[in-house]
Amino acid sequence: MDWNNVIKVVQNTITGVGLQVVGAILLYIVGRWLISFAVGLVRKGLSRQKLEPTLLRFIGNTISVVLNITLVIAILG
């Protein structure tokens, strides 16, 4: 068994997986920021329509949950 080849394979595997993990973390951070930005815009827009505060929170939370599920699916894909 050639240990140099084993070390090269391990390094390549760790590098590839490490880049994927870093990419997933960056996608999560950017996605969470975009989700909070979008939910804030929706809440501001709906608050101008003089909706009930309970309905406003419900719609904002629903949009947040749907976008978070979409983000997790995108990261796992």
N, C-alpha and C. Protein backbone atom coordinates (compact mmCIF):
# COMPACT_ATOMS: atom_id res chain seq x y z
N MET A 1 0.84 -1.17 0.00
CA MET A 1 0.00 0.00 0.00
C MET A 1 0.89 1.24 0.00
N ASP A 2 0.61 2.14 -0.91
CA ASP A 2 1.38 3.37 -1.03
C ASP A 2 0.70 4.47 -0.21
N TRP A 3 1.35 4.88 0.86
CA TRP A 3 0.76 5.86 1.78
C TRP A 3 0.64 7.24 1.16
N ASN A 4 1.49 7.56 0.22
CA ASN A 4 1.39 8.87 -0.44
C ASN A 4 0.08 9.00 -1.23
N ASN A 5 -0.30 7.92 -1.93
CA ASN A 5 -1.56 7.95 -2.67
C ASN A 5 -2.75 8.02 -1.72
N VAL A 6 -2.68 7.31 -0.61
CA VAL A 6 -3.76 7.34 0.37
C VAL A 6 -3.91 8.76 0.94
N ILE A 7 -2.81 9.40 1.25
CA ILE A 7 -2.84 10.76 1.80
C ILE A 7 -3.42 11.73 0.77
N LYS A 8 -3.06 11.57 -0.51
CA LYS A 8 -3.58 12.44 -1.56
C LYS A 8 -5.09 12.26 -1.72
N VAL A 9 -5.56 11.02 -1.68
CA VAL A 9 -6.99 10.76 -1.80
C VAL A 9 -7.74 11.36 -0.62
N VAL A 10 -7.20 11.20 0.58
CA VAL A 10 -7.84 11.76 1.78
C VAL A 10 -7.86 13.28 1.70
N GLN A 11 -6.78 13.89 1.27
CA GLN A 11 -6.73 15.35 1.14
C GLN A 11 -7.74 15.86 0.12
N ASN A 12 -7.83 15.17 -1.01
CA ASN A 12 -8.79 15.58 -2.04
C ASN A 12 -10.23 15.43 -1.55
N THR A 13 -10.51 14.37 -0.83
CA THR A 13 -11.86 14.14 -0.30
C THR A 13 -12.20 15.19 0.74
N ILE A 14 -11.28 15.47 1.65
CA ILE A 14 -11.53 16.47 2.69
C ILE A 14 -11.70 17.85 2.07
N THR A 15 -10.90 18.16 1.06
CA THR A 15 -11.02 19.46 0.40
C THR A 15 -12.38 19.61 -0.28
N GLY A 16 -12.80 18.58 -0.99
CA GLY A 16 -14.10 18.63 -1.68
C GLY A 16 -15.26 18.76 -0.71
N VAL A 17 -15.25 17.97 0.34
CA VAL A 17 -16.32 18.02 1.33
C VAL A 17 -16.26 19.35 2.09
N GLY A 18 -15.08 19.81 2.39
CA GLY A 18 -14.94 21.08 3.11
C GLY A 18 -15.48 22.25 2.32
N LEU A 19 -15.22 22.25 1.01
CA LEU A 19 -15.76 23.32 0.17
C LEU A 19 -17.28 23.26 0.09
N GLN A 20 -17.83 22.06 0.06
CA GLN A 20 -19.28 21.92 0.05
C GLN A 20 -19.90 22.41 1.36
N VAL A 21 -19.25 22.12 2.47
CA VAL A 21 -19.76 22.57 3.77
C VAL A 21 -19.68 24.09 3.87
N VAL A 22 -18.58 24.67 3.44
CA VAL A 22 -18.44 26.13 3.47
C VAL A 22 -19.48 26.77 2.56
N GLY A 23 -19.70 26.19 1.39
CA GLY A 23 -20.72 26.71 0.48
C GLY A 23 -22.11 26.63 1.08
N ALA A 24 -22.41 25.52 1.77
CA ALA A 24 -23.72 25.37 2.41
C ALA A 24 -23.90 26.39 3.53
N ILE A 25 -22.86 26.64 4.29
CA ILE A 25 -22.94 27.62 5.37
C ILE A 25 -23.16 29.02 4.81
N LEU A 26 -22.43 29.37 3.76
CA LEU A 26 -22.61 30.68 3.13
C LEU A 26 -24.01 30.83 2.54
N LEU A 27 -24.50 29.77 1.89
CA LEU A 27 -25.84 29.80 1.34
C LEU A 27 -26.88 29.97 2.45
N TYR A 28 -26.67 29.33 3.58
CA TYR A 28 -27.59 29.46 4.71
C TYR A 28 -27.60 30.89 5.25
N ILE A 29 -26.42 31.47 5.42
CA ILE A 29 -26.33 32.83 5.97
C ILE A 29 -26.99 33.83 5.02
N VAL A 30 -26.67 33.74 3.74
CA VAL A 30 -27.25 34.66 2.76
C VAL A 30 -28.76 34.43 2.65
N GLY A 31 -29.16 33.17 2.66
CA GLY A 31 -30.58 32.84 2.57
C GLY A 31 -31.38 33.36 3.75
N ARG A 32 -30.84 33.22 4.96
CA ARG A 32 -31.53 33.72 6.15
C ARG A 32 -31.65 35.24 6.09
N TRP A 33 -30.61 35.91 5.62
CA TRP A 33 -30.68 37.36 5.50
C TRP A 33 -31.75 37.77 4.49
N LEU A 34 -31.79 37.08 3.35
CA LEU A 34 -32.79 37.39 2.33
C LEU A 34 -34.20 37.10 2.82
N ILE A 35 -34.37 36.03 3.59
CA ILE A 35 -35.68 35.69 4.13
C ILE A 35 -36.15 36.77 5.10
N SER A 36 -35.28 37.20 5.98
CA SER A 36 -35.69 38.23 6.93
C SER A 36 -35.99 39.54 6.21
N PHE A 37 -35.24 39.85 5.16
CA PHE A 37 -35.48 41.05 4.37
C PHE A 37 -36.84 40.97 3.67
N ALA A 38 -37.14 39.81 3.06
CA ALA A 38 -38.40 39.64 2.34
C ALA A 38 -39.59 39.68 3.29
N VAL A 39 -39.47 39.03 4.44
CA VAL A 39 -40.56 39.04 5.41
C VAL A 39 -40.79 40.46 5.93
N GLY A 40 -39.72 41.18 6.16
CA GLY A 40 -39.86 42.58 6.60
C GLY A 40 -40.58 43.43 5.56
N LEU A 41 -40.24 43.24 4.29
CA LEU A 41 -40.91 43.98 3.23
C LEU A 41 -42.40 43.64 3.16
N VAL A 42 -42.72 42.36 3.29
CA VAL A 42 -44.12 41.94 3.24
C VAL A 42 -44.89 42.52 4.43
N ARG A 43 -44.28 42.47 5.61
CA ARG A 43 -44.96 43.01 6.79
C ARG A 43 -45.18 44.52 6.66
N LYS A 44 -44.18 45.22 6.14
CA LYS A 44 -44.36 46.67 5.96
C LYS A 44 -45.46 46.96 4.95
N GLY A 45 -45.46 46.21 3.87
CA GLY A 45 -46.48 46.41 2.85
C GLY A 45 -47.87 46.10 3.37
N LEU A 46 -47.99 45.03 4.14
CA LEU A 46 -49.31 44.68 4.67
C LEU A 46 -49.74 45.61 5.80
N SER A 47 -48.80 46.15 6.54
CA SER A 47 -49.17 47.07 7.62
C SER A 47 -49.72 48.37 7.04
N ARG A 48 -49.31 48.73 5.84
CA ARG A 48 -49.86 49.92 5.18
C ARG A 48 -51.32 49.70 4.77
N GLN A 49 -51.69 48.42 4.62
CA GLN A 49 -53.07 48.10 4.26
C GLN A 49 -53.99 48.09 5.47
N LYS A 50 -53.44 48.39 6.63
CA LYS A 50 -54.18 48.46 7.89
C LYS A 50 -54.84 47.12 8.25
N LEU A 51 -54.04 46.04 8.12
CA LEU A 51 -54.52 44.71 8.50
C LEU A 51 -54.40 44.53 10.00
N GLU A 52 -55.13 43.56 10.50
CA GLU A 52 -55.06 43.23 11.92
C GLU A 52 -53.65 42.75 12.27
N PRO A 53 -53.11 43.12 13.42
CA PRO A 53 -51.74 42.69 13.78
C PRO A 53 -51.59 41.17 13.87
N THR A 54 -52.62 40.47 14.31
CA THR A 54 -52.54 39.02 14.39
C THR A 54 -52.42 38.41 13.00
N LEU A 55 -53.20 38.91 12.07
CA LEU A 55 -53.13 38.42 10.69
C LEU A 55 -51.79 38.76 10.07
N LEU A 56 -51.26 39.92 10.39
CA LEU A 56 -49.96 40.34 9.89
C LEU A 56 -48.86 39.37 10.34
N ARG A 57 -48.87 39.04 11.64
CA ARG A 57 -47.87 38.10 12.18
C ARG A 57 -48.05 36.72 11.56
N PHE A 58 -49.30 36.29 11.39
CA PHE A 58 -49.56 34.97 10.82
C PHE A 58 -49.01 34.88 9.39
N ILE A 59 -49.29 35.88 8.58
CA ILE A 59 -48.81 35.87 7.19
C ILE A 59 -47.28 35.94 7.15
N GLY A 60 -46.70 36.78 8.01
CA GLY A 60 -45.24 36.87 8.05
C GLY A 60 -44.59 35.57 8.48
N ASN A 61 -45.16 34.93 9.50
CA ASN A 61 -44.61 33.65 9.96
C ASN A 61 -44.78 32.55 8.91
N THR A 62 -45.91 32.55 8.23
CA THR A 62 -46.15 31.54 7.19
C THR A 62 -45.14 31.70 6.05
N ILE A 63 -44.93 32.92 5.62
CA ILE A 63 -43.94 33.16 4.56
C ILE A 63 -42.55 32.76 5.03
N SER A 64 -42.22 33.07 6.27
CA SER A 64 -40.91 32.71 6.81
C SER A 64 -40.71 31.20 6.84
N VAL A 65 -41.72 30.46 7.27
CA VAL A 65 -41.60 29.00 7.33
C VAL A 65 -41.44 28.41 5.93
N VAL A 66 -42.24 28.87 5.00
CA VAL A 66 -42.16 28.35 3.63
C VAL A 66 -40.78 28.64 3.03
N LEU A 67 -40.28 29.85 3.22
CA LEU A 67 -38.96 30.20 2.67
C LEU A 67 -37.84 29.44 3.37
N ASN A 68 -37.96 29.21 4.68
CA ASN A 68 -36.94 28.43 5.37
C ASN A 68 -36.92 26.98 4.90
N ILE A 69 -38.09 26.40 4.66
CA ILE A 69 -38.13 25.02 4.13
C ILE A 69 -37.50 24.99 2.74
N THR A 70 -37.79 25.98 1.92
CA THR A 70 -37.19 26.06 0.59
C THR A 70 -35.67 26.20 0.69
N LEU A 71 -35.21 27.00 1.64
CA LEU A 71 -33.77 27.17 1.83
C LEU A 71 -33.10 25.86 2.23
N VAL A 72 -33.69 25.14 3.15
CA VAL A 72 -33.11 23.86 3.58
C VAL A 72 -33.07 22.87 2.42
N ILE A 73 -34.14 22.82 1.63
CA ILE A 73 -34.15 21.91 0.47
C ILE A 73 -33.07 22.32 -0.53
N ALA A 74 -32.88 23.62 -0.73
CA ALA A 74 -31.85 24.09 -1.66
C ALA A 74 -30.46 23.73 -1.16
N ILE A 75 -30.24 23.84 0.15
CA ILE A 75 -28.93 23.52 0.71
C ILE A 75 -28.66 22.01 0.60
N LEU A 76 -29.66 21.21 0.92
CA LEU A 76 -29.47 19.77 0.86
C LEU A 76 -29.32 19.26 -0.57
N GLY A 77 -29.90 20.00 -1.51
CA GLY A 77 -29.81 19.59 -2.92
C GLY A 77 -28.44 19.88 -3.45
